[in-house]
């Protein structure tokens, strides 16, 4: 109960927001989706290089005479990326990985497999 002569809480103007506080309804601070996609792109590049090394080693081992024998590391990379899409926390990373996986298939694997006739 306010003292006589003091304004009631309803009559007071709204309080000014605290400096540095997020506005009501603003997204939570932290890393955005773009950063996750960038991280996923880097992971996808590294994983693609590893898959290329595994593809070459598979070919030298004599198991690479078929389509599946040459592309199994890249198929595994795509499968892992698809599984990561199922979880909200890893979805931006998976999107970046899938972008790189698609680029590798279009630019590198497709022409190489066409030239090899596998």
C-alpha atoms as a PDB file:
ATOM      1  CA  UNK A   1       0.000   0.000   0.000  1.00  0.00           C
ATOM      2  CA  UNK A   2       1.615   3.295  -1.048  1.00  0.00           C
ATOM      3  CA  UNK A   3       1.856   6.109   1.435  1.00  0.00           C
ATOM      4  CA  UNK A   4      -0.532   9.023   1.002  1.00  0.00           C
ATOM      5  CA  UNK A   5       0.599  11.249  -1.850  1.00  0.00           C
ATOM      6  CA  UNK A   6       2.740   8.530  -3.545  1.00  0.00           C
ATOM      7  CA  UNK A   7       1.589   7.282  -6.969  1.00  0.00           C
ATOM      8  CA  UNK A   8       0.227   3.768  -7.271  1.00  0.00           C
ATOM      9  CA  UNK A   9       2.290   1.233  -9.244  1.00  0.00           C
ATOM     10  CA  UNK A  10      -0.240   1.374 -12.087  1.00  0.00           C
ATOM     11  CA  UNK A  11       0.236   5.136 -12.432  1.00  0.00           C
ATOM     12  CA  UNK A  12       4.045   4.907 -12.712  1.00  0.00           C
ATOM     13  CA  UNK A  13       5.600   4.958 -16.201  1.00  0.00           C
ATOM     14  CA  UNK A  14       7.111   1.656 -17.385  1.00  0.00           C
ATOM     15  CA  UNK A  15      10.653   1.082 -16.228  1.00  0.00           C
ATOM     16  CA  UNK A  16      13.419   1.696 -18.728  1.00  0.00           C
ATOM     17  CA  UNK A  17      15.175  -1.450 -19.923  1.00  0.00           C
ATOM     18  CA  UNK A  18      18.500  -2.259 -18.363  1.00  0.00           C
ATOM     19  CA  UNK A  19      21.379  -1.222 -20.653  1.00  0.00           C
ATOM     20  CA  UNK A  20      22.792  -4.275 -22.437  1.00  0.00           C
ATOM     21  CA  UNK A  21      19.740  -6.436 -21.726  1.00  0.00           C
ATOM     22  CA  UNK A  22      18.129  -8.098 -24.749  1.00  0.00           C
ATOM     23  CA  UNK A  23      14.799  -6.737 -25.891  1.00  0.00           C
ATOM     24  CA  UNK A  24      11.743  -8.813 -25.014  1.00  0.00           C
ATOM     25  CA  UNK A  25      11.179 -11.466 -27.659  1.00  0.00           C
ATOM     26  CA  UNK A  26      14.718 -11.131 -29.067  1.00  0.00           C
ATOM     27  CA  UNK A  27      16.574 -14.322 -30.022  1.00  0.00           C
ATOM     28  CA  UNK A  28      18.946 -15.707 -27.447  1.00  0.00           C
ATOM     29  CA  UNK A  29      22.552 -14.591 -27.850  1.00  0.00           C
ATOM     30  CA  UNK A  30      24.942 -17.206 -29.162  1.00  0.00           C
ATOM     31  CA  UNK A  31      26.214 -18.685 -32.375  1.00  0.00           C
ATOM     32  CA  UNK A  32      23.828 -18.406 -35.277  1.00  0.00           C
ATOM     33  CA  UNK A  33      23.036 -20.935 -37.972  1.00  0.00           C
ATOM     34  CA  UNK A  34      25.555 -19.346 -40.348  1.00  0.00           C
ATOM     35  CA  UNK A  35      28.449 -20.170 -38.053  1.00  0.00           C
ATOM     36  CA  UNK A  36      27.284 -23.787 -37.824  1.00  0.00           C
ATOM     37  CA  UNK A  37      27.110 -24.059 -41.601  1.00  0.00           C
ATOM     38  CA  UNK A  38      30.642 -22.647 -41.846  1.00  0.00           C
ATOM     39  CA  UNK A  39      31.910 -25.165 -39.319  1.00  0.00           C
ATOM     40  CA  UNK A  40      30.120 -27.948 -41.194  1.00  0.00           C
ATOM     41  CA  UNK A  41      31.712 -26.794 -44.445  1.00  0.00           C
ATOM     42  CA  UNK A  42      35.155 -27.077 -42.879  1.00  0.00           C
ATOM     43  CA  UNK A  43      34.363 -30.503 -41.454  1.00  0.00           C
ATOM     44  CA  UNK A  44      32.979 -31.568 -44.833  1.00  0.00           C
ATOM     45  CA  UNK A  45      36.184 -30.489 -46.613  1.00  0.00           C
ATOM     46  CA  UNK A  46      38.351 -32.410 -44.168  1.00  0.00           C
ATOM     47  CA  UNK A  47      36.115 -35.461 -44.318  1.00  0.00           C
ATOM     48  CA  UNK A  48      36.132 -35.340 -48.128  1.00  0.00           C
ATOM     49  CA  UNK A  49      39.927 -35.353 -48.166  1.00  0.00           C
ATOM     50  CA  UNK A  50      39.906 -38.329 -45.810  1.00  0.00           C
ATOM     51  CA  UNK A  51      37.340 -40.051 -48.045  1.00  0.00           C
ATOM     52  CA  UNK A  52      39.547 -39.406 -51.081  1.00  0.00           C
ATOM     53  CA  UNK A  53      42.502 -41.035 -49.314  1.00  0.00           C
ATOM     54  CA  UNK A  54      40.327 -44.013 -48.349  1.00  0.00           C
ATOM     55  CA  UNK A  55      39.088 -44.297 -51.936  1.00  0.00           C
ATOM     56  CA  UNK A  56      42.646 -44.415 -53.267  1.00  0.00           C
ATOM     57  CA  UNK A  57      43.690 -46.959 -50.633  1.00  0.00           C
ATOM     58  CA  UNK A  58      40.645 -49.090 -51.471  1.00  0.00           C
ATOM     59  CA  UNK A  59      41.603 -48.982 -55.149  1.00  0.00           C
ATOM     60  CA  UNK A  60      45.177 -50.025 -54.370  1.00  0.00           C
ATOM     61  CA  UNK A  61      43.909 -52.867 -52.212  1.00  0.00           C
ATOM     62  CA  UNK A  62      42.094 -54.280 -55.229  1.00  0.00           C
ATOM     63  CA  UNK A  63      38.562 -53.742 -53.914  1.00  0.00           C
ATOM     64  CA  UNK A  64      37.898 -50.615 -55.970  1.00  0.00           C
ATOM     65  CA  UNK A  65      36.897 -52.289 -59.204  1.00  0.00           C
ATOM     66  CA  UNK A  66      33.215 -51.494 -58.706  1.00  0.00           C
ATOM     67  CA  UNK A  67      31.132 -48.368 -58.205  1.00  0.00           C
ATOM     68  CA  UNK A  68      30.510 -49.181 -54.549  1.00  0.00           C
ATOM     69  CA  UNK A  69      34.168 -50.085 -54.041  1.00  0.00           C
ATOM     70  CA  UNK A  70      35.274 -46.622 -55.158  1.00  0.00           C
ATOM     71  CA  UNK A  71      32.556 -44.495 -53.606  1.00  0.00           C
ATOM     72  CA  UNK A  72      31.917 -46.126 -50.213  1.00  0.00           C
ATOM     73  CA  UNK A  73      33.780 -43.420 -48.220  1.00  0.00           C
ATOM     74  CA  UNK A  74      31.762 -40.662 -49.887  1.00  0.00           C
ATOM     75  CA  UNK A  75      28.513 -42.567 -49.397  1.00  0.00           C
ATOM     76  CA  UNK A  76      29.413 -42.965 -45.722  1.00  0.00           C
ATOM     77  CA  UNK A  77      30.057 -39.212 -45.455  1.00  0.00           C
ATOM     78  CA  UNK A  78      26.636 -38.477 -46.950  1.00  0.00           C
ATOM     79  CA  UNK A  79      24.955 -40.992 -44.651  1.00  0.00           C
ATOM     80  CA  UNK A  80      26.572 -39.470 -41.551  1.00  0.00           C
ATOM     81  CA  UNK A  81      25.469 -36.007 -42.695  1.00  0.00           C
ATOM     82  CA  UNK A  82      21.896 -37.186 -43.179  1.00  0.00           C
ATOM     83  CA  UNK A  83      21.833 -38.720 -39.695  1.00  0.00           C
ATOM     84  CA  UNK A  84      23.141 -35.439 -38.240  1.00  0.00           C
ATOM     85  CA  UNK A  85      20.239 -33.614 -39.914  1.00  0.00           C
ATOM     86  CA  UNK A  86      17.833 -35.435 -37.609  1.00  0.00           C
ATOM     87  CA  UNK A  87      19.071 -33.592 -34.506  1.00  0.00           C
ATOM     88  CA  UNK A  88      18.334 -29.886 -34.063  1.00  0.00           C
ATOM     89  CA  UNK A  89      21.666 -29.153 -32.402  1.00  0.00           C
ATOM     90  CA  UNK A  90      23.779 -30.599 -35.249  1.00  0.00           C
ATOM     91  CA  UNK A  91      21.538 -29.553 -38.147  1.00  0.00           C
ATOM     92  CA  UNK A  92      23.576 -26.467 -39.235  1.00  0.00           C
ATOM     93  CA  UNK A  93      26.781 -28.524 -39.237  1.00  0.00           C
ATOM     94  CA  UNK A  94      25.091 -31.261 -41.274  1.00  0.00           C
ATOM     95  CA  UNK A  95      23.878 -28.697 -43.823  1.00  0.00           C
ATOM     96  CA  UNK A  96      27.462 -27.485 -44.345  1.00  0.00           C
ATOM     97  CA  UNK A  97      28.703 -31.051 -44.674  1.00  0.00           C
ATOM     98  CA  UNK A  98      26.005 -31.876 -47.238  1.00  0.00           C
ATOM     99  CA  UNK A  99      26.866 -28.790 -49.280  1.00  0.00           C
ATOM    100  CA  UNK A 100      30.454 -29.989 -49.577  1.00  0.00           C
ATOM    101  CA  UNK A 101      29.375 -33.593 -50.216  1.00  0.00           C
ATOM    102  CA  UNK A 102      27.149 -32.460 -53.094  1.00  0.00           C
ATOM    103  CA  UNK A 103      29.929 -30.316 -54.538  1.00  0.00           C
ATOM    104  CA  UNK A 104      32.372 -33.235 -54.379  1.00  0.00           C
ATOM    105  CA  UNK A 105      29.917 -35.525 -56.161  1.00  0.00           C
ATOM    106  CA  UNK A 106      29.217 -32.988 -58.910  1.00  0.00           C
ATOM    107  CA  UNK A 107      32.746 -31.690 -59.465  1.00  0.00           C
ATOM    108  CA  UNK A 108      34.946 -34.685 -58.705  1.00  0.00           C
ATOM    109  CA  UNK A 109      33.241 -38.060 -58.378  1.00  0.00           C
ATOM    110  CA  UNK A 110      30.761 -37.791 -61.242  1.00  0.00           C
ATOM    111  CA  UNK A 111      33.342 -36.956 -63.922  1.00  0.00           C
ATOM    112  CA  UNK A 112      35.898 -39.435 -62.543  1.00  0.00           C
ATOM    113  CA  UNK A 113      33.434 -42.304 -62.490  1.00  0.00           C
ATOM    114  CA  UNK A 114      32.251 -41.390 -65.989  1.00  0.00           C
ATOM    115  CA  UNK A 115      35.837 -41.414 -67.245  1.00  0.00           C
ATOM    116  CA  UNK A 116      36.605 -44.710 -65.554  1.00  0.00           C
ATOM    117  CA  UNK A 117      33.417 -46.267 -66.865  1.00  0.00           C
ATOM    118  CA  UNK A 118      32.689 -47.989 -63.582  1.00  0.00           C
END
